[in-house]
Amino acid sequence: MWEQVQETVEFIKAKTNFTPEYGVILGSGLGSFTDDIVIEHTLPYDSIPNFPVSTVQGHKGALVFGTIGTKKVVAMQGRFHFYEGYDMKQVTFPVRVMKYLGISKLIVSNASGGVNPNYEVGSIVLIHDHINMMPEHPLRGRNDERFGPRFVNMSEPYSRAMIAQTKKIASEHQIEVHDGVYMGLQGPTFETLSEYRMVKNIGADCVGMSTVPEVIVARHMNLETFGLSVITDMGDEDNIEEVNHAEVLKAAEKVEPQVRLLIKELIKQYE
């Protein structure tokens, strides 16, 4: 893994000569955030050695390098999921690459199903914690101390300071945001009624098929991490909305301008 990461980093640095401070992983329906970046370089995933390739509709499949205000950013247009057939080391490989390109902060976004009755389709949730129910752990196997410690402190997986800054930005722009606990499940099936009930009973507010592996690996490497989720469908103990991926993309795209504003201003303002 170490050698692959360094090979990929060296390739990207030779192509871009760019040292980002922020890494951004864009979830389903949120890929237009790159319109807010003054773009300097774009590298398709299939041109990067050792990189997986996105196979999911709504995930464009490129690394975008540029600036937001005075901050240098690398954004992933499309992430990788365990359900696509990749193992967890492949799913999280780009996070390790971004770390060694220079980032110190990681922002992740996703689309998820909501079980908190205070949410509705289109709600924006600032993730303050997660529950990992994925069938494989991204740190399973021999630990390479060059990346981080064997046992990772997860007392603050999502930066409280970044959450507080985002809440301030949301208030200034009259954008309603919620706090929430995110549960990561394997997918690719949407949850059954009983699974939604389980999610709620365990203590989560929303559920999706990503984010948790990337955040674990980010914290393994001591990256400050912020997570945001858009609720694209709702399920409760008595009712479940029929949903498909096209509807998920449509729901996420509806609130994308607000999500873009929050992320853009967080990057500009947070030190």
Protein backbone atom coordinates (compact mmCIF):
# COMPACT_ATOMS: atom_id res chain seq x y z
CA MET A 1 0.00 0.00 0.00
CA TRP A 2 2.73 2.47 0.95
CA GLU A 3 4.58 1.98 -2.34
CA GLN A 4 1.36 2.29 -4.38
CA VAL A 5 0.38 5.50 -2.59
CA GLN A 6 3.81 7.04 -3.14
CA GLU A 7 3.80 6.03 -6.83
CA THR A 8 0.40 7.65 -7.32
CA VAL A 9 1.38 10.78 -5.41
CA GLU A 10 4.56 11.18 -7.46
CA PHE A 11 2.58 10.81 -10.71
CA ILE A 12 0.00 13.43 -9.66
CA LYS A 13 2.64 15.88 -8.42
CA ALA A 14 4.52 15.58 -11.70
CA LYS A 15 1.30 16.32 -13.60
CA THR A 16 0.05 19.19 -11.39
CA ASN A 17 2.84 20.66 -9.22
CA PHE A 18 0.01 21.39 -6.78
CA THR A 19 -0.11 21.07 -2.96
CA PRO A 20 -3.72 21.16 -1.67
CA GLU A 21 -4.77 21.97 1.89
CA TYR A 22 -8.33 20.61 1.60
CA GLY A 23 -9.60 17.36 0.16
CA VAL A 24 -13.28 17.15 -0.80
CA ILE A 25 -15.20 13.94 -1.61
CA LEU A 26 -18.43 14.67 -3.47
CA GLY A 27 -21.39 12.32 -3.05
CA SER A 28 -24.30 11.41 -5.30
CA GLY A 29 -25.80 14.44 -7.03
CA LEU A 30 -23.29 16.86 -5.53
CA GLY A 31 -20.61 16.82 -8.21
CA SER A 32 -21.30 20.38 -9.45
CA PHE A 33 -19.42 21.76 -6.44
CA THR A 34 -16.40 21.84 -8.74
CA ASP A 35 -18.05 24.83 -10.49
CA ASP A 36 -17.05 26.83 -7.39
CA ILE A 37 -13.39 25.93 -7.85
CA VAL A 38 -11.02 28.01 -9.96
CA ILE A 39 -9.73 24.89 -11.70
CA GLU A 40 -6.05 24.48 -12.49
CA HIS A 41 -5.90 20.76 -13.31
CA THR A 42 -8.30 17.87 -13.92
CA LEU A 43 -7.14 14.25 -13.93
CA PRO A 44 -9.61 11.49 -14.90
CA TYR A 45 -9.38 8.53 -12.55
CA ASP A 46 -8.59 6.17 -15.39
CA SER A 47 -5.41 8.17 -16.14
CA ILE A 48 -4.04 7.83 -12.58
CA PRO A 49 -1.95 4.75 -11.68
CA ASN A 50 -3.43 2.48 -8.98
CA PHE A 51 -6.69 4.49 -8.85
CA PRO A 52 -10.07 2.72 -8.98
CA VAL A 53 -12.72 3.95 -11.43
CA SER A 54 -16.23 5.13 -10.51
CA THR A 55 -19.03 2.86 -11.78
CA VAL A 56 -22.05 4.65 -10.28
CA GLN A 57 -24.34 7.12 -12.08
CA GLY A 58 -23.85 10.62 -10.66
CA HIS A 59 -20.15 10.06 -9.93
CA LYS A 60 -18.15 11.63 -12.76
CA GLY A 61 -14.75 10.15 -12.01
CA ALA A 62 -12.02 12.81 -11.87
CA LEU A 63 -9.67 14.57 -9.49
CA VAL A 64 -10.07 18.34 -9.75
CA PHE A 65 -7.35 20.70 -8.49
CA GLY A 66 -7.82 24.40 -7.93
CA THR A 67 -8.55 27.21 -5.50
CA ILE A 68 -11.50 28.45 -3.47
CA GLY A 69 -10.65 31.93 -2.24
CA THR A 70 -7.05 31.62 -1.09
CA LYS A 71 -7.29 27.91 -0.25
CA LYS A 72 -5.93 25.14 -2.46
CA VAL A 73 -8.33 22.22 -2.92
CA VAL A 74 -8.40 18.78 -4.49
CA ALA A 75 -11.93 17.46 -5.09
CA MET A 76 -13.02 13.95 -5.97
CA GLN A 77 -15.84 14.02 -8.50
CA GLY A 78 -17.17 10.61 -7.56
CA ARG A 79 -16.17 8.21 -4.80
CA PHE A 80 -15.76 4.46 -4.60
CA HIS A 81 -18.05 2.09 -2.71
CA PHE A 82 -17.58 -1.33 -1.19
CA TYR A 83 -20.70 -2.54 -3.03
CA GLU A 84 -19.04 -1.85 -6.39
CA GLY A 85 -16.75 -4.79 -5.70
CA TYR A 86 -13.75 -2.86 -4.43
CA ASP A 87 -12.19 -3.86 -1.14
CA MET A 88 -11.93 -1.29 1.63
CA LYS A 89 -8.29 -0.50 0.91
CA GLN A 90 -9.26 0.41 -2.66
CA VAL A 91 -12.29 2.40 -1.47
CA THR A 92 -10.09 4.50 0.81
CA PHE A 93 -6.97 4.63 -1.37
CA PRO A 94 -7.72 8.18 -2.63
CA VAL A 95 -7.86 9.49 0.96
CA ARG A 96 -4.33 8.23 1.55
CA VAL A 97 -3.19 9.78 -1.73
CA MET A 98 -4.73 13.15 -0.86
CA LYS A 99 -3.00 13.08 2.52
CA TYR A 100 0.39 12.70 0.88
CA LEU A 101 -0.42 15.30 -1.74
CA GLY A 102 -0.58 17.68 1.23
CA ILE A 103 -4.12 17.95 2.62
CA SER A 104 -4.67 18.47 6.35
CA LYS A 105 -8.48 18.64 6.20
CA LEU A 106 -11.04 16.38 4.52
CA ILE A 107 -14.66 17.24 3.70
CA VAL A 108 -17.01 14.39 2.75
CA SER A 109 -20.57 14.61 1.48
CA ASN A 110 -23.19 11.98 0.76
CA ALA A 111 -26.85 11.28 0.09
CA SER A 112 -28.64 9.23 2.73
CA GLY A 113 -31.98 7.91 3.92
CA GLY A 114 -33.42 9.62 6.99
CA VAL A 115 -35.11 8.02 10.01
CA ASN A 116 -35.16 11.06 12.31
CA PRO A 117 -38.73 12.44 12.30
CA ASN A 118 -37.34 15.98 12.39
CA TYR A 119 -35.86 15.44 8.92
CA GLU A 120 -37.54 15.60 5.55
CA VAL A 121 -36.38 15.01 1.99
CA GLY A 122 -33.88 17.76 1.27
CA SER A 123 -32.72 18.22 4.87
CA ILE A 124 -29.02 18.96 5.28
CA VAL A 125 -27.40 17.03 8.13
CA LEU A 126 -24.05 17.87 9.71
CA ILE A 127 -22.64 14.51 10.77
CA HIS A 128 -21.26 14.58 14.31
CA ASP A 129 -20.75 10.84 14.72
CA HIS A 130 -21.21 7.56 12.88
CA ILE A 131 -21.99 3.90 13.45
CA ASN A 132 -19.93 1.50 11.38
CA MET A 133 -21.97 -1.49 10.17
CA MET A 134 -19.86 -2.20 7.09
CA PRO A 135 -18.85 -5.89 6.72
CA GLU A 136 -15.14 -5.10 6.31
CA HIS A 137 -12.95 -2.61 8.18
CA PRO A 138 -10.54 -0.45 6.14
CA LEU A 139 -7.78 -0.92 8.74
CA ARG A 140 -8.05 -4.72 8.93
CA GLY A 141 -4.73 -6.46 8.41
CA ARG A 142 -1.15 -5.52 9.16
CA ASN A 143 -0.80 -1.86 10.18
CA ASP A 144 1.79 0.34 8.49
CA GLU A 145 2.93 2.82 11.15
CA ARG A 146 3.96 5.26 8.42
CA PHE A 147 0.25 5.89 7.83
CA GLY A 148 -0.89 5.93 11.44
CA PRO A 149 -1.24 3.97 14.70
CA ARG A 150 -2.61 0.43 15.04
CA PHE A 151 -5.48 1.59 17.27
CA VAL A 152 -7.15 4.82 16.20
CA ASN A 153 -8.83 7.24 18.62
CA MET A 154 -12.35 7.87 17.28
CA SER A 155 -13.59 10.15 20.10
CA GLU A 156 -13.96 13.01 17.60
CA PRO A 157 -14.29 11.55 14.10
CA TYR A 158 -15.94 14.74 12.83
CA SER A 159 -14.35 18.05 13.78
CA ARG A 160 -16.43 19.93 16.33
CA ALA A 161 -14.75 23.18 15.31
CA MET A 162 -15.64 22.68 11.64
CA ILE A 163 -19.23 21.80 12.58
CA ALA A 164 -19.50 24.98 14.68
CA GLN A 165 -18.12 27.10 11.84
CA THR A 166 -20.60 25.55 9.38
CA LYS A 167 -23.52 26.24 11.73
CA LYS A 168 -22.46 29.88 11.89
CA ILE A 169 -22.31 30.06 8.09
CA ALA A 170 -25.73 28.37 7.79
CA SER A 171 -27.26 30.88 10.23
CA GLU A 172 -25.81 33.83 8.32
CA HIS A 173 -27.33 32.55 5.07
CA GLN A 174 -30.66 31.35 6.55
CA ILE A 175 -29.93 27.72 5.67
CA GLU A 176 -31.52 25.15 7.96
CA VAL A 177 -29.14 22.42 9.08
CA HIS A 178 -29.54 19.48 11.47
CA ASP A 179 -27.14 17.45 13.61
CA GLY A 180 -27.09 13.73 13.06
CA VAL A 181 -25.49 10.32 13.51
CA TYR A 182 -24.80 8.52 10.22
CA MET A 183 -24.84 4.74 9.88
CA GLY A 184 -22.82 3.07 7.15
CA LEU A 185 -24.27 -0.10 5.59
CA GLN A 186 -22.87 -2.09 2.67
CA GLY A 187 -25.61 -1.58 0.05
CA PRO A 188 -26.35 -1.48 -2.81
CA THR A 189 -29.97 -2.24 -1.87
CA PHE A 190 -31.97 0.52 -0.25
CA GLU A 191 -33.08 -0.35 3.27
CA THR A 192 -36.13 -2.43 4.09
CA LEU A 193 -38.70 -1.23 6.60
CA SER A 194 -37.19 -3.45 9.28
CA GLU A 195 -33.70 -2.22 8.46
CA TYR A 196 -34.85 1.39 8.82
CA ARG A 197 -36.34 0.42 12.18
CA MET A 198 -32.99 -1.10 13.19
CA VAL A 199 -31.12 2.06 12.13
CA LYS A 200 -33.37 4.19 14.30
CA ASN A 201 -33.34 1.82 17.29
CA ILE A 202 -29.55 1.58 17.29
CA GLY A 203 -29.30 5.35 17.54
CA ALA A 204 -28.61 6.65 14.03
CA ASP A 205 -30.49 9.48 12.31
CA CYS A 206 -29.63 8.61 8.72
CA VAL A 207 -28.12 5.75 6.76
CA GLY A 208 -26.04 5.37 3.63
CA MET A 209 -23.46 3.28 1.80
CA SER A 210 -20.30 5.40 2.04
CA THR A 211 -18.37 7.95 4.12
CA VAL A 212 -17.55 5.79 7.15
CA PRO A 213 -14.53 4.02 5.56
CA GLU A 214 -13.07 7.29 4.27
CA VAL A 215 -13.47 8.98 7.65
CA ILE A 216 -11.85 6.08 9.51
CA VAL A 217 -8.82 6.20 7.21
CA ALA A 218 -8.69 10.01 7.44
CA ARG A 219 -8.58 9.80 11.22
CA HIS A 220 -5.95 7.05 11.00
CA MET A 221 -3.75 9.67 9.31
CA ASN A 222 -4.85 12.47 11.68
CA LEU A 223 -6.75 14.48 9.08
CA GLU A 224 -9.31 16.91 10.47
CA THR A 225 -12.61 15.72 8.99
CA PHE A 226 -16.05 17.21 8.31
CA GLY A 227 -19.09 15.30 7.02
CA LEU A 228 -22.36 16.47 5.52
CA SER A 229 -25.35 14.42 4.37
CA VAL A 230 -28.37 15.29 2.22
CA ILE A 231 -31.54 13.38 3.08
CA THR A 232 -32.92 12.02 -0.18
CA ASP A 233 -35.62 9.65 1.15
CA MET A 234 -37.35 8.93 4.45
CA GLY A 235 -38.28 5.75 6.29
CA ASP A 236 -39.90 5.25 9.68
CA GLU A 237 -41.33 2.42 11.74
CA ASP A 238 -44.60 2.27 9.81
CA ASN A 239 -43.87 3.52 6.32
CA ILE A 240 -41.11 3.49 3.74
CA GLU A 241 -40.94 5.66 0.66
CA GLU A 242 -40.39 3.88 -2.63
CA VAL A 243 -37.10 5.21 -3.96
CA ASN A 244 -34.68 4.67 -6.82
CA HIS A 245 -31.25 6.08 -7.63
CA ALA A 246 -32.61 8.65 -10.10
CA GLU A 247 -34.83 10.08 -7.36
CA VAL A 248 -31.87 10.18 -4.96
CA LEU A 249 -29.88 12.21 -7.49
CA LYS A 250 -32.83 14.54 -8.09
CA ALA A 251 -33.35 15.17 -4.36
CA ALA A 252 -29.65 15.86 -3.80
CA GLU A 253 -29.44 18.20 -6.78
CA LYS A 254 -32.37 20.27 -5.46
CA VAL A 255 -30.43 21.39 -2.37
CA GLU A 256 -27.02 21.30 -4.03
CA PRO A 257 -26.73 25.14 -4.19
CA GLN A 258 -27.06 25.32 -0.40
CA VAL A 259 -24.60 22.49 0.14
CA ARG A 260 -22.14 24.12 -2.23
CA LEU A 261 -22.40 27.41 -0.39
CA LEU A 262 -21.79 25.79 3.00
CA ILE A 263 -18.74 23.86 1.83
CA LYS A 264 -17.33 26.79 -0.14
CA GLU A 265 -17.65 29.21 2.78
CA LEU A 266 -16.29 26.66 5.26
CA ILE A 267 -13.17 26.25 3.12
CA LYS A 268 -12.78 30.02 2.76
CA GLN A 269 -13.29 30.85 6.43
CA TYR A 270 -11.94 27.94 8.46
CA GLU A 271 -8.36 28.12 9.71
